[in-house]
Protein backbone atom coordinates (compact mmCIF):
# COMPACT_ATOMS: atom_id res chain seq x y z
CA MET A 1 -3.22 -17.80 -24.29
CA ARG A 2 -4.54 -18.47 -20.83
CA PHE A 3 -1.01 -18.74 -19.66
CA LEU A 4 -0.29 -15.52 -21.44
CA PHE A 5 -2.93 -13.45 -19.81
CA LEU A 6 -1.95 -14.95 -16.43
CA LEU A 7 1.74 -13.65 -16.71
CA ILE A 8 0.23 -10.07 -17.86
CA LEU A 9 -1.95 -10.35 -14.53
CA LEU A 10 1.03 -11.16 -12.62
CA ALA A 11 3.24 -8.49 -14.08
CA GLY A 12 0.61 -5.61 -13.47
CA ILE A 13 0.10 -6.70 -9.53
CA SER A 14 4.13 -6.26 -9.64
CA VAL A 15 3.99 -2.83 -11.41
CA GLY A 16 1.02 -1.59 -9.53
CA ALA A 17 1.22 -2.86 -6.10
CA ILE A 18 4.30 -4.58 -5.38
CA TYR A 19 6.74 -2.24 -6.62
CA PRO A 20 5.31 0.86 -4.82
CA TRP A 21 5.32 -0.71 -1.64
CA ALA A 22 8.78 -1.86 -1.66
CA MET A 23 9.69 1.74 -2.59
CA THR A 24 7.97 3.17 0.16
CA ASN A 25 9.13 0.82 2.92
CA PHE A 26 12.54 -0.41 1.63
CA SER A 27 14.24 1.85 -0.34
CA GLY A 28 16.88 3.82 1.53
CA HIS A 29 17.52 3.29 5.12
CA GLN A 30 15.89 4.27 8.38
CA ILE A 31 16.88 7.42 10.25
CA GLY A 32 14.89 6.49 13.24
CA SER A 33 11.53 6.05 14.75
CA TRP A 34 9.79 8.55 17.38
CA ARG A 35 6.92 8.36 19.54
CA VAL A 36 4.60 11.50 19.05
CA TYR A 37 1.33 10.14 20.41
CA GLU A 38 0.72 8.04 23.53
CA GLY A 39 -1.43 7.94 26.49
CA GLY A 40 -3.83 10.49 24.73
CA ARG A 41 -1.20 13.46 24.10
CA PHE A 42 0.48 14.41 21.10
CA ARG A 43 4.01 15.74 21.20
CA GLN A 44 6.43 17.87 18.98
CA VAL A 45 9.68 16.23 18.07
CA THR A 46 12.97 17.81 16.75
CA VAL A 47 15.30 15.67 14.77
CA PRO A 48 18.56 16.87 13.31
CA LEU A 49 19.10 16.18 9.65
CA ALA A 50 21.93 16.85 7.45
CA ALA A 51 22.28 17.56 3.68
CA ARG A 52 23.33 13.50 2.89
CA ASP A 53 19.97 12.20 4.41
CA ALA A 54 18.03 13.77 1.46
CA PRO A 55 15.41 12.96 -0.06
CA VAL A 56 13.70 12.05 3.46
CA ARG A 57 10.37 10.14 3.19
CA VAL A 58 8.30 10.66 6.26
CA LEU A 59 6.21 7.94 7.35
CA VAL A 60 3.29 7.59 10.18
CA ASP A 61 2.46 4.43 11.99
CA LEU A 62 -0.85 4.42 13.66
CA THR A 63 -1.50 1.90 16.34
CA ALA A 64 -5.14 1.22 17.02
CA ARG A 65 -7.61 -1.41 18.18
CA ALA A 66 -9.34 -1.99 14.76
CA GLU A 67 -9.03 -4.32 11.68
CA ARG A 68 -9.22 -1.71 9.36
CA ILE A 69 -9.51 2.02 9.24
CA VAL A 70 -12.85 3.69 8.17
CA SER A 71 -12.13 7.05 7.79
CA GLN A 72 -14.60 8.05 4.86
CA GLN A 73 -12.45 10.56 3.23
CA ARG A 74 -12.11 12.34 6.78
CA THR A 75 -8.73 13.04 8.41
CA VAL A 76 -7.17 11.01 10.97
CA LEU A 77 -4.06 12.58 11.31
CA THR A 78 -2.27 15.94 10.32
CA LEU A 79 1.53 16.28 10.15
CA THR A 80 3.67 19.64 9.53
CA ALA A 81 7.54 19.64 9.38
CA ALA A 82 9.12 23.05 9.87
CA SER A 83 12.88 24.05 9.67
CA GLY A 84 14.18 27.60 10.42
CA GLY A 85 10.59 28.60 10.93
CA ARG A 86 9.61 27.59 7.41
CA THR A 87 7.01 24.80 6.70
CA VAL A 88 8.49 22.25 4.44
CA LEU A 89 5.89 19.61 4.49
CA ALA A 90 2.12 19.63 5.18
CA SER A 91 0.01 16.63 4.94
CA THR A 92 -3.00 15.03 6.02
CA LEU A 93 -3.33 11.20 6.66
CA GLN A 94 -6.51 8.87 6.37
CA PHE A 95 -4.71 5.40 6.45
CA ASN A 96 -8.11 3.87 4.79
CA HIS A 97 -5.69 2.39 1.94
CA SER A 98 -3.59 0.20 4.63
CA ASP A 99 -5.16 -3.29 3.81
CA ASN A 100 -2.62 -5.18 5.45
CA PRO A 101 -1.90 -3.91 8.92
CA ARG A 102 0.80 -5.43 11.02
CA GLN A 103 0.00 -7.18 14.49
CA ALA A 104 1.61 -4.89 17.30
CA SER A 105 1.91 -8.20 19.40
CA PRO A 106 0.64 -11.63 19.49
CA GLN A 107 -0.78 -11.12 22.98
CA LEU A 108 -2.87 -7.79 21.79
CA PRO A 109 -5.61 -7.01 19.30
CA ASP A 110 -3.81 -3.80 18.29
CA LYS A 111 -2.90 -3.35 14.66
CA ILE A 112 -0.44 -1.06 13.09
CA PHE A 113 -1.33 1.05 9.81
CA ARG A 114 1.27 2.74 8.00
CA ASP A 115 0.74 5.98 5.98
CA GLU A 116 2.98 8.21 4.05
CA ALA A 117 3.21 12.06 5.02
CA GLY A 118 5.24 12.80 1.90
CA VAL A 119 8.94 13.60 1.07
CA ILE A 120 11.55 16.19 1.83
CA ARG A 121 13.59 16.32 -1.24
CA THR A 122 16.01 18.95 -0.20
CA VAL A 123 17.32 18.98 3.08
CA GLY A 124 19.26 21.62 5.03
CA PRO A 125 21.35 20.92 7.77
CA GLY A 126 19.90 21.59 11.22
CA PRO A 127 16.93 20.87 13.34
CA TYR A 128 13.62 19.97 11.74
CA VAL A 129 10.24 20.05 13.96
CA PHE A 130 7.68 17.46 13.10
CA THR A 131 4.25 18.18 14.57
CA VAL A 132 1.48 15.40 14.37
CA GLY A 133 -2.24 16.41 15.43
CA PRO A 134 -5.80 14.82 15.40
CA GLY A 135 -7.99 15.33 12.14
CA ASP A 136 -11.65 15.59 12.18
CA ALA A 137 -12.13 11.53 12.35
CA ASP A 138 -12.50 11.46 15.92
CA ASP A 139 -14.17 7.78 15.96
CA ILE A 140 -10.82 6.10 15.50
CA PRO A 141 -9.36 3.87 18.70
CA ILE A 142 -5.73 5.40 18.39
CA ARG A 143 -3.50 3.69 20.78
CA ALA A 144 -0.14 5.33 19.85
CA VAL A 145 1.45 7.00 16.77
CA ASP A 146 4.98 6.82 15.89
CA LEU A 147 6.92 8.96 13.39
CA VAL A 148 9.37 7.17 11.20
CA LEU A 149 11.82 8.75 8.67
CA ARG A 150 13.72 6.89 5.88
CA SER A 151 16.84 8.48 4.35
CA GLY A 152 18.03 8.17 0.68
CA VAL A 153 14.94 6.87 -0.75
CA GLY A 154 14.10 5.92 -4.03
CA GLU A 155 11.65 7.82 -5.92
CA THR A 156 8.52 5.81 -7.27
CA ASP A 157 7.85 6.46 -10.73
CA SER A 158 4.45 8.06 -11.12
CA ARG A 159 3.75 5.81 -14.07
CA ALA A 160 3.55 2.57 -12.26
CA ARG A 161 0.42 2.45 -10.84
CA PRO A 162 -1.56 3.55 -14.12
CA VAL A 163 0.22 0.99 -16.14
CA GLY A 164 -0.15 -1.92 -13.33
CA PHE A 165 -3.75 -1.46 -13.10
CA ALA A 166 -4.20 -1.13 -17.02
CA LEU A 167 -1.95 -4.63 -16.97
CA MET A 168 -4.28 -6.13 -14.46
CA ALA A 169 -7.17 -5.41 -16.23
CA ILE A 170 -6.01 -6.57 -19.38
CA GLY A 171 -4.66 -9.88 -17.71
CA LEU A 172 -7.88 -10.33 -15.63
CA ILE A 173 -10.33 -9.83 -18.34
CA GLY A 174 -8.28 -11.86 -20.98
CA PHE A 175 -8.14 -14.63 -18.38
CA LEU A 176 -11.66 -14.81 -17.81
CA LEU A 177 -12.46 -14.84 -21.40
CA SER A 178 -10.06 -17.86 -22.01
CA LEU A 179 -11.78 -19.58 -19.30
CA ARG A 180 -14.94 -19.02 -21.08
CA SER A 181 -14.20 -19.66 -24.43
CA ALA A 182 -12.65 -23.08 -23.24
CA GLY A 183 -15.76 -24.07 -21.60
CA GLY A 184 -17.72 -23.57 -24.63
CA ARG A 185 -15.71 -25.75 -27.04
CA PRO A 186 -17.35 -28.54 -28.82
CA GLN A 187 -16.58 -32.26 -27.79
CA ASN A 188 -14.33 -34.10 -29.92
CA PRO A 189 -16.36 -36.63 -31.53
CA ASN A 190 -13.93 -39.40 -31.17
CA SER A 191 -14.37 -39.09 -27.50
CA GLN A 192 -18.04 -40.54 -27.57
CA PRO A 193 -18.26 -44.51 -27.66
CA PRO A 194 -19.25 -46.10 -30.80
CA PRO A 195 -22.66 -46.70 -31.64
CA PRO A 196 -23.63 -50.25 -31.47
CA ARG A 197 -23.46 -52.41 -34.47
CA TRP A 198 -26.47 -54.75 -33.88
CA GLY A 199 -29.65 -54.80 -31.82
CA ARG A 200 -32.57 -52.13 -32.32
CA ASP A 201 -29.66 -49.11 -32.21
CA SER A 202 -27.69 -50.44 -34.61
CA THR A 203 -26.97 -48.27 -37.73
């Protein structure tokens, strides 16, 4: 039973954590990356998109001198995307769920945190204007911000995370209970040395 619960736990981790992460970062192909903040200044970027690019996942990479982002539910960055004078995406970014940031350089202490701004599912051919700005979390030591667009991305099944977390809970609880029950088993009487047959303690 212990092995079965371990398999359930591993399946939950795969479904609830690895699968959404892989779909976000590796599905489809990258259109490009654009620097939208550097030297203390934000700037708009205009990207021409085609209908064949849909759906387009919008990601933001934040480079900061920090081990993790603690935004306390405050907004670190805001992002809007517009085409033909119409807003097609508006998002707030917090970056507080980025537990494994990338190292910017072996020589620098800076880390790169990634957050998803959303998906543009229907793309009309033409220029798209992306605007990234600061939020109300003004104590984040931001070094740089990059806009990353991925084309033809797969859609993550919304049921994956709840199912994965449920499997993880079942597997972990079952595994711990199996360890506890194994520790409380009575000892095999045959494993004890036989009583002496002579002397004061003989039976």
